[in-house]
Protein backbone atom coordinates (compact mmCIF):
# COMPACT_ATOMS: atom_id res chain seq x y z
CA MET A 1 -14.02 74.35 87.66
CA ASN A 2 -10.82 76.13 86.66
CA THR A 3 -9.01 79.12 88.10
CA ARG A 4 -8.77 81.03 84.81
CA SER A 5 -12.36 82.21 84.86
CA PHE A 6 -13.93 85.22 86.57
CA ILE A 7 -16.84 84.54 88.92
CA HIS A 8 -18.36 87.54 90.67
CA GLN A 9 -18.62 87.10 94.45
CA SER A 10 -22.43 87.42 94.31
CA SER A 11 -22.72 84.47 91.92
CA ILE A 12 -22.99 80.76 92.72
CA VAL A 13 -21.39 77.96 90.73
CA ASP A 14 -22.50 74.61 92.15
CA GLU A 15 -20.31 71.58 92.63
CA ARG A 16 -20.12 69.23 89.63
CA VAL A 17 -20.04 72.10 87.12
CA SER A 18 -17.46 72.03 84.35
CA LEU A 19 -16.63 75.68 83.59
CA GLY A 20 -14.15 76.21 80.75
CA ASN A 21 -11.19 78.56 80.68
CA GLY A 22 -11.76 82.28 80.22
CA CYS A 23 -15.41 82.31 81.28
CA LYS A 24 -17.00 85.33 82.95
CA VAL A 25 -19.88 84.90 85.39
CA TRP A 26 -21.29 88.27 86.42
CA HIS A 27 -23.51 89.46 89.31
CA PHE A 28 -26.25 87.27 90.84
CA THR A 29 -25.87 84.38 88.37
CA HIS A 30 -26.35 80.74 89.38
CA ILE A 31 -24.89 77.81 87.41
CA LEU A 32 -26.43 74.56 88.63
CA SER A 33 -24.90 71.14 89.10
CA GLY A 34 -24.16 68.92 86.13
CA SER A 35 -23.77 71.76 83.64
CA VAL A 36 -20.88 71.66 81.18
CA ILE A 37 -19.78 75.08 79.91
CA GLY A 38 -17.14 75.53 77.20
CA ASN A 39 -14.29 78.04 77.07
CA ASN A 40 -14.68 81.83 76.87
CA CYS A 41 -18.39 81.97 77.69
CA SER A 42 -19.93 85.02 79.30
CA PHE A 43 -22.99 85.13 81.56
CA GLY A 44 -24.50 88.53 82.33
CA GLN A 45 -26.25 89.63 85.47
CA ASN A 46 -29.10 87.57 86.97
CA CYS A 47 -28.83 84.42 84.85
CA VAL A 48 -29.75 80.87 85.84
CA VAL A 49 -28.08 77.98 84.01
CA GLY A 50 -29.05 74.35 84.43
CA PRO A 51 -29.01 71.88 85.85
CA ASN A 52 -27.33 69.63 83.26
CA ILE A 53 -26.90 72.23 80.51
CA LYS A 54 -24.41 71.69 77.69
CA MET A 55 -22.93 74.85 76.22
CA GLY A 56 -20.14 75.13 73.65
CA ASN A 57 -17.30 77.63 73.44
CA ASN A 58 -17.59 81.41 73.02
CA CYS A 59 -21.27 81.69 73.94
CA LYS A 60 -22.62 85.00 75.22
CA VAL A 61 -25.60 85.04 77.57
CA GLN A 62 -26.96 88.50 78.30
CA ASN A 63 -28.72 89.69 81.48
CA ASN A 64 -31.84 87.97 82.88
CA VAL A 65 -31.67 84.72 80.89
CA SER A 66 -32.64 81.34 82.35
CA ILE A 67 -31.33 78.31 80.46
CA TYR A 68 -33.42 75.35 81.60
CA GLU A 69 -32.62 71.65 81.57
CA GLY A 70 -33.16 70.32 78.07
CA VAL A 71 -31.48 73.25 76.29
CA GLU A 72 -28.19 72.69 74.46
CA CYS A 73 -26.12 75.45 72.86
CA GLU A 74 -23.34 74.73 70.38
CA ASP A 75 -20.34 77.08 69.91
CA ASP A 76 -20.72 80.85 69.36
CA VAL A 77 -24.39 81.14 70.37
CA PHE A 78 -25.69 84.59 71.42
CA LEU A 79 -28.65 84.79 73.83
CA GLY A 80 -30.06 88.33 74.06
CA PRO A 81 -31.29 90.09 77.20
CA SER A 82 -34.36 88.62 78.89
CA MET A 83 -35.00 85.98 76.22
CA VAL A 84 -36.94 82.95 77.49
CA PHE A 85 -36.70 79.19 77.04
CA THR A 86 -39.39 76.70 78.00
CA ASN A 87 -38.82 72.99 78.63
CA VAL A 88 -42.35 71.57 78.99
CA ILE A 89 -45.18 71.93 76.45
CA ASN A 90 -48.07 71.90 78.94
CA PRO A 91 -46.85 72.97 82.40
CA ARG A 92 -49.06 72.78 85.47
CA ALA A 93 -47.96 73.85 88.93
CA PHE A 94 -49.66 70.82 90.50
CA ILE A 95 -48.23 68.17 88.09
CA ASN A 96 -44.56 67.15 88.11
CA ARG A 97 -43.45 66.87 84.48
CA ARG A 98 -39.68 66.65 84.99
CA GLY A 99 -39.65 63.45 82.94
CA GLU A 100 -41.26 65.26 80.00
CA PHE A 101 -38.61 67.94 79.34
CA LYS A 102 -38.17 68.49 75.60
CA LYS A 103 -34.74 69.05 74.06
CA THR A 104 -34.10 72.41 72.42
CA LEU A 105 -30.94 72.68 70.31
CA LEU A 106 -29.30 75.95 69.30
CA LYS A 107 -26.76 75.30 66.57
CA ARG A 108 -23.44 77.01 66.04
CA GLY A 109 -23.39 80.77 65.63
CA CYS A 110 -27.12 81.49 65.96
CA SER A 111 -28.31 84.70 67.61
CA ILE A 112 -31.43 85.08 69.70
CA GLY A 113 -32.67 88.67 70.15
CA ALA A 114 -33.87 90.40 73.29
CA ASN A 115 -37.18 89.22 74.78
CA VAL A 116 -37.53 86.26 72.40
CA THR A 117 -39.50 83.23 73.62
CA ILE A 118 -38.42 79.81 72.36
CA VAL A 119 -40.94 77.03 72.85
CA CYS A 120 -39.23 73.75 73.75
CA GLY A 121 -38.56 70.83 71.45
CA ILE A 122 -37.22 72.73 68.44
CA VAL A 123 -33.92 73.30 66.63
CA ILE A 124 -32.52 76.74 65.80
CA GLY A 125 -30.24 76.33 62.78
CA LYS A 126 -26.63 77.40 62.32
CA TYR A 127 -26.15 81.18 62.12
CA ALA A 128 -29.91 81.77 62.20
CA PHE A 129 -31.02 85.15 63.53
CA ILE A 130 -34.16 85.51 65.65
CA GLY A 131 -35.41 89.12 65.82
CA ALA A 132 -36.18 90.78 69.15
CA GLY A 133 -39.54 89.94 70.70
CA SER A 134 -40.24 86.94 68.46
CA VAL A 135 -42.05 83.81 69.65
CA VAL A 136 -40.46 80.74 68.05
CA ILE A 137 -42.74 77.70 67.91
CA LYS A 138 -41.08 75.57 65.18
CA ASP A 139 -37.65 74.68 63.81
CA VAL A 140 -35.64 77.48 62.18
CA PRO A 141 -33.40 76.67 59.17
CA ASP A 142 -29.69 77.45 59.03
CA PHE A 143 -29.03 81.14 58.16
CA ALA A 144 -32.74 82.04 58.40
CA LEU A 145 -33.91 85.48 59.58
CA VAL A 146 -37.16 85.14 61.53
CA VAL A 147 -39.35 87.70 63.31
CA GLY A 148 -42.80 88.06 64.81
CA ASN A 149 -45.38 86.20 66.86
CA PRO A 150 -45.46 83.46 65.82
CA ALA A 151 -42.02 83.84 64.25
CA ARG A 152 -41.91 83.61 60.46
CA GLN A 153 -39.00 83.69 58.08
CA ILE A 154 -38.48 86.98 56.23
CA GLY A 155 -35.04 86.38 54.70
CA TRP A 156 -31.56 84.96 55.08
CA VAL A 157 -28.48 86.22 56.93
CA ASP A 158 -24.77 85.56 56.63
CA LYS A 159 -22.33 84.57 59.37
CA ALA A 160 -21.93 88.24 60.36
CA GLY A 161 -25.70 88.54 60.86
CA LEU A 162 -26.18 90.75 57.79
CA ARG A 163 -29.02 90.15 55.38
CA LEU A 164 -28.01 88.16 52.31
CA GLU A 165 -28.67 89.84 48.96
CA PHE A 166 -29.08 87.46 46.03
CA ASP A 167 -28.22 88.21 42.40
CA LYS A 168 -30.41 87.25 39.45
CA ASN A 169 -28.96 83.72 39.56
CA GLY A 170 -29.91 83.30 43.21
CA ILE A 171 -26.29 83.61 44.43
CA ALA A 172 -25.19 85.59 47.52
CA ARG A 173 -21.79 86.12 49.12
CA ASP A 174 -21.10 86.06 52.87
CA SER A 175 -19.68 89.39 54.13
CA PHE A 176 -17.76 87.57 56.87
CA ASP A 177 -15.75 84.98 54.92
CA ASN A 178 -16.83 85.14 51.23
CA THR A 179 -18.75 81.85 51.39
CA GLN A 180 -21.15 81.69 48.44
CA TYR A 181 -24.74 80.58 48.84
CA LYS A 182 -27.40 79.61 46.34
CA LEU A 183 -31.08 80.05 46.99
CA ASN A 184 -32.80 76.91 45.73
CA HIS A 185 -36.56 77.33 46.14
CA SER A 186 -36.94 77.65 49.92
CA THR A 187 -33.55 76.26 50.95
CA LEU A 188 -30.11 77.83 51.15
CA GLU A 189 -27.17 75.80 49.85
CA VAL A 190 -23.47 76.46 50.42
CA ILE A 191 -21.87 76.30 46.97
CA TYR A 192 -18.40 77.60 47.81
CA ALA A 193 -16.50 78.13 51.04
CA ASP A 194 -13.01 79.61 51.40
């Protein structure tokens, strides 16, 4: 742990935690042993992280989020208030299934809305956007906009989280950095990046 991060006095950061520079750990949050947290991450009030979580740089975790073992977040991931991860497909209180944790990967820049539930064992693609209250039960493509229960794709978003609008040739431009995308059937291809 470094000295360039803020940890509120009500929070607990266990031994054997790697906490990057510039992190903020707010009220009543617990980061468990073995977790590796990148630089400039923020954890809101009443979060639980770990054990053994890997989190990239510049991630923002809002209030009341528990990040269970098996979850990995790449850089720039946003986790909205009270969203939920699972790590076992068929939990039972009377059966120990610690050896059955499924990996859930959140790729760079994705955003997870408030009160979303993410069932374990899936991948959320780069810059994907999961609408508030959704229940995600399968992989989400890069740049996809998904909503509902179960979550279904209703469009595409750019790096700024704005809905992509395609011209008659199936081309859209990213409002954040002018990257150009082409819609090819049900996949989005990057055709030009600055």
